């Protein structure tokens, strides 16, 4: 039995990334309906908006779903209250200590997964009592760990460090990559970039089209004095990189970013002056498709890859 499928009650061990400005109720519902676990990205939402998305999601699917919550977001307490009231079945947490809220989530009947970037933090997850650990390599888009460990290096080390069910994240956008993660010790995958560029994603069309035109090397990790983030190389990135090369400190970097930088880039579609968060694997994605098509292709690719390995 696959522990990820068993814990979350899903047909395929595929979890959608809970991405700010991309992971609304439509994307979450589509992934859940296709057999995975859809997540609402709550990090930039108000409590009222999260409640609206949860209620629309519950009306759109009877399949399992969850919410992604960065624990450091200032409105965390209000969001958690909504999740408990709306009987959220699963929560994926990040950017903070899992000890703070895990028991509270469990008391409310939620399954808890926590995202880590190192085997050290994976051990802390086990101590905190979480149900599942998500190990994310620095290929991933958006906020990343400071260790800059790649997914292929991270997964086997985390597998040795903990007995918890393990989900691999970062740079996964094919059935072959799902199989590779499994061979290294993961029992499921979390996919962000591929789902961010689907028809159901709430990201702007301008963002999606810009990302499908990226080539290898068109994203870079930056903002390490703030929170390491993988961004598309655009006008805003160039200004950040130039400032960082001159030794810019936090206040100057914040001034360059301006207000609502990620919303500008992802949701509003300002592809030149907004913060365009996306993973390295975007260079392999050349068209915007429905979630249902992508999920079926992942399953087919995985099965074909297994057969190829067996035949060899």
Protein backbone atom coordinates (compact mmCIF):
# COMPACT_ATOMS: atom_id res chain seq x y z
CA UNK A 1 0.00 0.00 0.00
CA UNK A 2 1.25 3.47 -0.87
CA UNK A 3 1.22 5.46 2.38
CA UNK A 4 0.56 8.81 0.68
CA UNK A 5 -2.55 7.50 -1.06
CA UNK A 6 -3.72 5.88 2.15
CA UNK A 7 -3.19 8.93 4.39
CA UNK A 8 -4.95 11.40 2.10
CA UNK A 9 -7.47 9.01 0.54
CA UNK A 10 -6.40 9.76 -3.04
CA UNK A 11 -6.09 7.65 -6.16
CA UNK A 12 -2.68 8.91 -7.31
CA UNK A 13 0.17 10.01 -4.99
CA UNK A 14 0.28 13.42 -6.67
CA UNK A 15 -0.13 16.62 -4.64
CA UNK A 16 -0.66 20.03 -6.21
CA UNK A 17 1.56 22.80 -4.96
CA UNK A 18 -0.31 25.37 -2.87
CA UNK A 19 0.99 28.33 -4.84
CA UNK A 20 0.14 31.96 -4.12
CA UNK A 21 -1.90 33.54 -6.92
CA UNK A 22 -2.14 30.19 -8.79
CA UNK A 23 -3.78 27.69 -6.44
CA UNK A 24 -7.36 28.81 -6.09
CA UNK A 25 -10.38 26.55 -5.75
CA UNK A 26 -10.59 25.80 -9.50
CA UNK A 27 -7.08 24.35 -9.68
CA UNK A 28 -7.51 22.48 -6.40
CA UNK A 29 -10.82 20.98 -7.55
CA UNK A 30 -9.38 19.94 -10.91
CA UNK A 31 -6.42 18.12 -9.33
CA UNK A 32 -8.64 16.40 -6.77
CA UNK A 33 -11.15 15.36 -9.44
CA UNK A 34 -8.28 13.91 -11.49
CA UNK A 35 -7.27 11.66 -8.59
CA UNK A 36 -4.60 13.73 -6.82
CA UNK A 37 -4.79 16.06 -3.84
CA UNK A 38 -5.64 19.64 -4.73
CA UNK A 39 -4.49 22.41 -2.39
CA UNK A 40 -5.66 25.98 -1.97
CA UNK A 41 -2.73 28.38 -1.57
CA UNK A 42 -3.78 30.41 1.48
CA UNK A 43 -0.60 32.40 2.10
CA UNK A 44 -1.76 35.62 0.45
CA UNK A 45 -5.46 35.26 1.28
CA UNK A 46 -7.58 36.98 3.90
CA UNK A 47 -9.66 34.75 6.16
CA UNK A 48 -12.81 35.74 4.27
CA UNK A 49 -11.28 34.92 0.89
CA UNK A 50 -10.00 31.56 2.12
CA UNK A 51 -13.48 30.68 3.36
CA UNK A 52 -14.93 31.58 -0.03
CA UNK A 53 -12.41 29.39 -1.85
CA UNK A 54 -12.96 26.46 0.52
CA UNK A 55 -16.73 26.63 0.14
CA UNK A 56 -16.49 26.79 -3.66
CA UNK A 57 -14.03 23.90 -3.62
CA UNK A 58 -16.34 21.77 -1.48
CA UNK A 59 -19.18 22.50 -3.91
CA UNK A 60 -17.02 21.52 -6.89
CA UNK A 61 -15.68 18.15 -5.69
CA UNK A 62 -16.41 15.39 -3.23
CA UNK A 63 -12.80 14.20 -3.46
CA UNK A 64 -10.11 14.88 -0.80
CA UNK A 65 -8.48 18.33 -0.75
CA UNK A 66 -6.38 20.52 1.49
CA UNK A 67 -4.87 23.94 2.19
CA UNK A 68 -1.28 25.12 1.97
CA UNK A 69 -0.31 27.48 4.82
CA UNK A 70 3.06 29.24 5.24
CA UNK A 71 3.25 29.45 9.03
CA UNK A 72 5.08 32.78 8.99
CA UNK A 73 2.26 34.65 7.24
CA UNK A 74 0.88 37.38 9.54
CA UNK A 75 -2.73 36.22 9.27
CA UNK A 76 -1.97 32.58 10.12
CA UNK A 77 -4.21 32.48 13.21
CA UNK A 78 -7.21 33.80 11.31
CA UNK A 79 -6.65 31.37 8.43
CA UNK A 80 -6.32 28.42 10.81
CA UNK A 81 -9.61 29.35 12.46
CA UNK A 82 -11.32 29.25 9.07
CA UNK A 83 -9.71 25.91 8.19
CA UNK A 84 -10.98 24.38 11.44
CA UNK A 85 -14.48 25.82 11.02
CA UNK A 86 -14.66 24.55 7.43
CA UNK A 87 -13.37 21.10 8.45
CA UNK A 88 -10.30 21.15 6.23
CA UNK A 89 -9.11 17.51 5.91
CA UNK A 90 -5.42 18.20 5.19
CA UNK A 91 -2.92 21.01 5.66
CA UNK A 92 0.52 21.44 4.11
CA UNK A 93 2.64 23.82 6.17
CA UNK A 94 5.96 25.52 5.48
CA UNK A 95 8.13 28.47 6.52
CA UNK A 96 8.04 27.93 10.26
CA UNK A 97 8.28 25.34 13.01
CA UNK A 98 5.80 22.45 12.64
CA UNK A 99 5.68 22.13 16.44
CA UNK A 100 3.59 25.25 16.86
CA UNK A 101 0.35 24.07 15.27
CA UNK A 102 0.57 20.32 14.52
CA UNK A 103 -1.30 19.16 17.63
CA UNK A 104 -3.98 21.77 17.04
CA UNK A 105 -4.42 20.56 13.46
CA UNK A 106 -4.59 16.95 14.61
CA UNK A 107 -7.17 17.83 17.25
CA UNK A 108 -9.27 19.29 14.42
CA UNK A 109 -9.00 16.05 12.43
CA UNK A 110 -6.50 17.27 9.83
CA UNK A 111 -3.64 15.33 8.30
CA UNK A 112 -0.47 17.41 8.49
CA UNK A 113 2.41 17.59 6.00
CA UNK A 114 5.35 19.94 6.41
CA UNK A 115 7.76 21.15 3.73
CA UNK A 116 11.51 20.97 4.43
CA UNK A 117 14.73 21.67 2.55
CA UNK A 118 17.09 19.46 4.57
CA UNK A 119 17.26 16.16 6.44
CA UNK A 120 17.84 18.10 9.68
CA UNK A 121 14.42 19.74 9.41
CA UNK A 122 12.87 16.42 8.37
CA UNK A 123 13.95 14.99 11.73
CA UNK A 124 12.32 17.94 13.48
CA UNK A 125 9.10 17.15 11.61
CA UNK A 126 9.13 13.63 13.01
CA UNK A 127 9.70 15.01 16.51
CA UNK A 128 6.78 17.41 16.01
CA UNK A 129 4.43 14.56 15.09
CA UNK A 130 3.53 15.52 11.53
CA UNK A 131 2.03 12.81 9.31
CA UNK A 132 4.05 13.44 6.15
CA UNK A 133 7.23 15.28 5.20
CA UNK A 134 7.68 17.07 1.87
CA UNK A 135 11.31 17.41 0.79
CA UNK A 136 11.70 20.25 -1.70
CA UNK A 137 14.81 20.78 -3.79
CA UNK A 138 15.96 24.21 -4.89
CA UNK A 139 14.80 23.64 -8.46
CA UNK A 140 11.37 24.66 -7.20
CA UNK A 141 9.86 28.04 -7.95
CA UNK A 142 9.14 30.72 -5.38
CA UNK A 143 10.55 30.50 -1.86
CA UNK A 144 13.33 27.98 -1.33
CA UNK A 145 15.55 26.69 1.45
CA UNK A 146 18.94 28.28 2.00
CA UNK A 147 20.78 24.98 1.56
CA UNK A 148 20.39 24.98 -2.25
CA UNK A 149 20.24 21.17 -2.30
CA UNK A 150 18.80 19.66 -5.47
CA UNK A 151 15.83 17.30 -5.31
CA UNK A 152 17.84 14.28 -6.47
CA UNK A 153 20.39 14.85 -3.70
CA UNK A 154 17.85 15.75 -1.02
CA UNK A 155 15.35 12.87 -1.31
CA UNK A 156 17.69 9.96 -0.46
CA UNK A 157 19.18 11.88 2.47
CA UNK A 158 15.77 12.69 3.91
CA UNK A 159 14.73 9.07 3.37
CA UNK A 160 17.62 7.96 5.56
CA UNK A 161 16.85 10.58 8.20
CA UNK A 162 13.19 9.80 8.87
CA UNK A 163 10.66 6.99 8.68
CA UNK A 164 7.84 9.41 7.88
CA UNK A 165 5.98 9.06 4.58
CA UNK A 166 7.96 11.17 2.10
CA UNK A 167 6.83 13.39 -0.76
CA UNK A 168 9.36 14.76 -3.28
CA UNK A 169 9.03 18.28 -4.64
CA UNK A 170 11.03 20.51 -6.95
CA UNK A 171 11.57 20.03 -10.67
CA UNK A 172 8.99 17.26 -11.16
CA UNK A 173 6.82 17.54 -14.26
CA UNK A 174 6.77 14.10 -15.87
CA UNK A 175 5.94 10.49 -15.09
CA UNK A 176 9.61 9.64 -15.52
CA UNK A 177 10.51 12.16 -12.79
CA UNK A 178 7.84 10.65 -10.54
CA UNK A 179 9.45 7.23 -10.95
CA UNK A 180 12.94 8.65 -10.30
CA UNK A 181 11.70 10.22 -7.06
CA UNK A 182 10.14 6.90 -6.05
CA UNK A 183 13.36 5.01 -6.71
CA UNK A 184 15.20 7.48 -4.45
CA UNK A 185 12.77 6.84 -1.60
CA UNK A 186 9.78 9.16 -2.10
CA UNK A 187 6.28 7.75 -1.89
CA UNK A 188 4.59 10.62 -3.69
CA UNK A 189 5.30 13.88 -5.49
CA UNK A 190 4.22 17.48 -5.10
CA UNK A 191 3.99 19.34 -8.37
CA UNK A 192 3.92 23.13 -8.57
CA UNK A 193 5.20 24.62 -11.83
CA UNK A 194 3.36 22.19 -14.10
CA UNK A 195 0.03 22.90 -12.40
CA UNK A 196 0.72 26.65 -12.20
CA UNK A 197 0.70 26.68 -16.00
CA UNK A 198 -2.62 24.88 -16.47
CA UNK A 199 -5.93 26.24 -17.71
CA UNK A 200 -7.39 26.02 -14.21
CA UNK A 201 -4.59 27.97 -12.52
CA UNK A 202 -5.64 31.44 -11.38
CA UNK A 203 -2.39 32.95 -12.66
CA UNK A 204 -2.78 35.46 -15.47
CA UNK A 205 -2.60 34.33 -19.09
CA UNK A 206 0.35 36.70 -19.57
CA UNK A 207 2.27 34.91 -16.80
CA UNK A 208 1.46 31.47 -18.21
CA UNK A 209 2.45 32.38 -21.75
CA UNK A 210 5.69 34.02 -20.62
CA UNK A 211 6.64 30.92 -18.61
CA UNK A 212 5.97 28.53 -21.50
CA UNK A 213 8.52 30.49 -23.54
CA UNK A 214 11.34 30.11 -21.01
CA UNK A 215 14.54 28.26 -21.88
CA UNK A 216 17.07 26.55 -19.61
CA UNK A 217 18.72 29.07 -17.31
CA UNK A 218 15.92 31.63 -17.54
CA UNK A 219 15.15 31.35 -13.81
CA UNK A 220 17.55 32.07 -10.97
CA UNK A 221 17.63 31.94 -7.19
CA UNK A 222 17.95 35.41 -5.65
CA UNK A 223 16.86 37.55 -2.67
CA UNK A 224 18.92 35.44 -0.27
CA UNK A 225 19.08 38.28 2.27
CA UNK A 226 15.27 38.25 2.40
CA UNK A 227 13.90 34.81 1.58
CA UNK A 228 15.63 32.86 -1.21
CA UNK A 229 13.30 32.86 -4.21
CA UNK A 230 13.49 31.42 -7.72
CA UNK A 231 12.39 34.05 -10.23
CA UNK A 232 12.19 34.49 -13.97
CA UNK A 233 14.88 36.77 -15.36
CA UNK A 234 12.96 39.92 -16.26
CA UNK A 235 13.34 43.65 -15.63
CA UNK A 236 12.65 43.34 -11.92
CA UNK A 237 15.06 40.42 -11.56
CA UNK A 238 17.78 42.38 -13.37
CA UNK A 239 17.39 45.29 -10.95
CA UNK A 240 17.55 42.89 -7.99
CA UNK A 241 20.63 41.11 -9.36
CA UNK A 242 22.42 44.39 -10.01
CA UNK A 243 21.68 45.62 -6.49
CA UNK A 244 22.74 42.32 -4.91
CA UNK A 245 26.01 42.39 -6.85
CA UNK A 246 26.72 45.75 -5.22
CA UNK A 247 25.95 44.38 -1.77
CA UNK A 248 22.45 45.79 -1.30
CA UNK A 249 20.92 45.23 2.11
CA UNK A 250 17.31 44.37 3.00
CA UNK A 251 15.80 47.90 2.92
CA UNK A 252 17.09 48.55 -0.61
CA UNK A 253 15.89 45.18 -1.86
CA UNK A 254 12.44 45.79 -0.39
CA UNK A 255 12.32 49.16 -2.11
CA UNK A 256 13.18 47.56 -5.46
CA UNK A 257 10.49 44.93 -5.02
CA UNK A 258 7.81 47.45 -4.13
CA UNK A 259 4.36 46.48 -2.91
CA UNK A 260 2.63 43.25 -3.96
CA UNK A 261 5.47 42.17 -6.24
CA UNK A 262 4.30 38.56 -6.58
CA UNK A 263 0.73 39.61 -7.32
CA UNK A 264 2.00 42.00 -10.01
CA UNK A 265 3.98 39.27 -11.72
CA UNK A 266 1.73 36.24 -11.37
CA UNK A 267 -1.85 37.46 -10.97
CA UNK A 268 -1.82 40.87 -12.66
CA UNK A 269 0.45 39.77 -15.50
CA UNK A 270 3.16 42.43 -15.33
CA UNK A 271 5.80 40.14 -16.77
CA UNK A 272 8.50 42.81 -16.85
CA UNK A 273 8.19 44.51 -13.46
CA UNK A 274 6.49 41.84 -11.35
CA UNK A 275 7.99 39.03 -9.30
CA UNK A 276 7.65 36.02 -11.61
CA UNK A 277 7.98 32.94 -9.37
CA UNK A 278 8.32 29.66 -11.27
CA UNK A 279 10.53 26.56 -11.14
CA UNK A 280 13.43 25.50 -13.35
CA UNK A 281 11.29 22.83 -15.01
CA UNK A 282 9.22 25.56 -16.70
CA UNK A 283 11.67 25.38 -19.61
CA UNK A 284 10.28 21.91 -20.41
CA UNK A 285 6.63 23.09 -20.45
CA UNK A 286 5.61 24.58 -23.78
CA UNK A 287 1.83 24.75 -23.65
CA UNK A 288 -1.03 25.48 -21.26
CA UNK A 289 -3.28 22.42 -20.85
CA UNK A 290 -6.16 21.25 -18.63
CA UNK A 291 -5.27 19.43 -15.41
CA UNK A 292 -7.12 16.29 -16.56
CA UNK A 293 -4.87 15.94 -19.61
CA UNK A 294 -1.72 16.47 -17.54
CA UNK A 295 -2.69 13.97 -14.84
CA UNK A 296 -3.46 11.27 -17.39
CA UNK A 297 -0.16 11.90 -19.14
CA UNK A 298 1.74 11.67 -15.84
CA UNK A 299 0.16 8.27 -15.16
CA UNK A 300 0.88 7.03 -18.70
CA UNK A 301 4.47 8.26 -18.62
CA UNK A 302 5.04 6.67 -15.23
CA UNK A 303 3.67 3.29 -16.37
CA UNK A 304 5.73 3.40 -19.57
CA UNK A 305 8.87 4.28 -17.61
CA UNK A 306 8.30 1.34 -15.25
CA UNK A 307 7.97 -1.02 -18.22
CA UNK A 308 11.14 0.33 -19.81
CA UNK A 309 13.07 -0.28 -16.59
CA UNK A 310 11.66 -3.79 -16.26
CA UNK A 311 12.58 -4.65 -19.85
CA UNK A 312 16.15 -3.49 -19.32
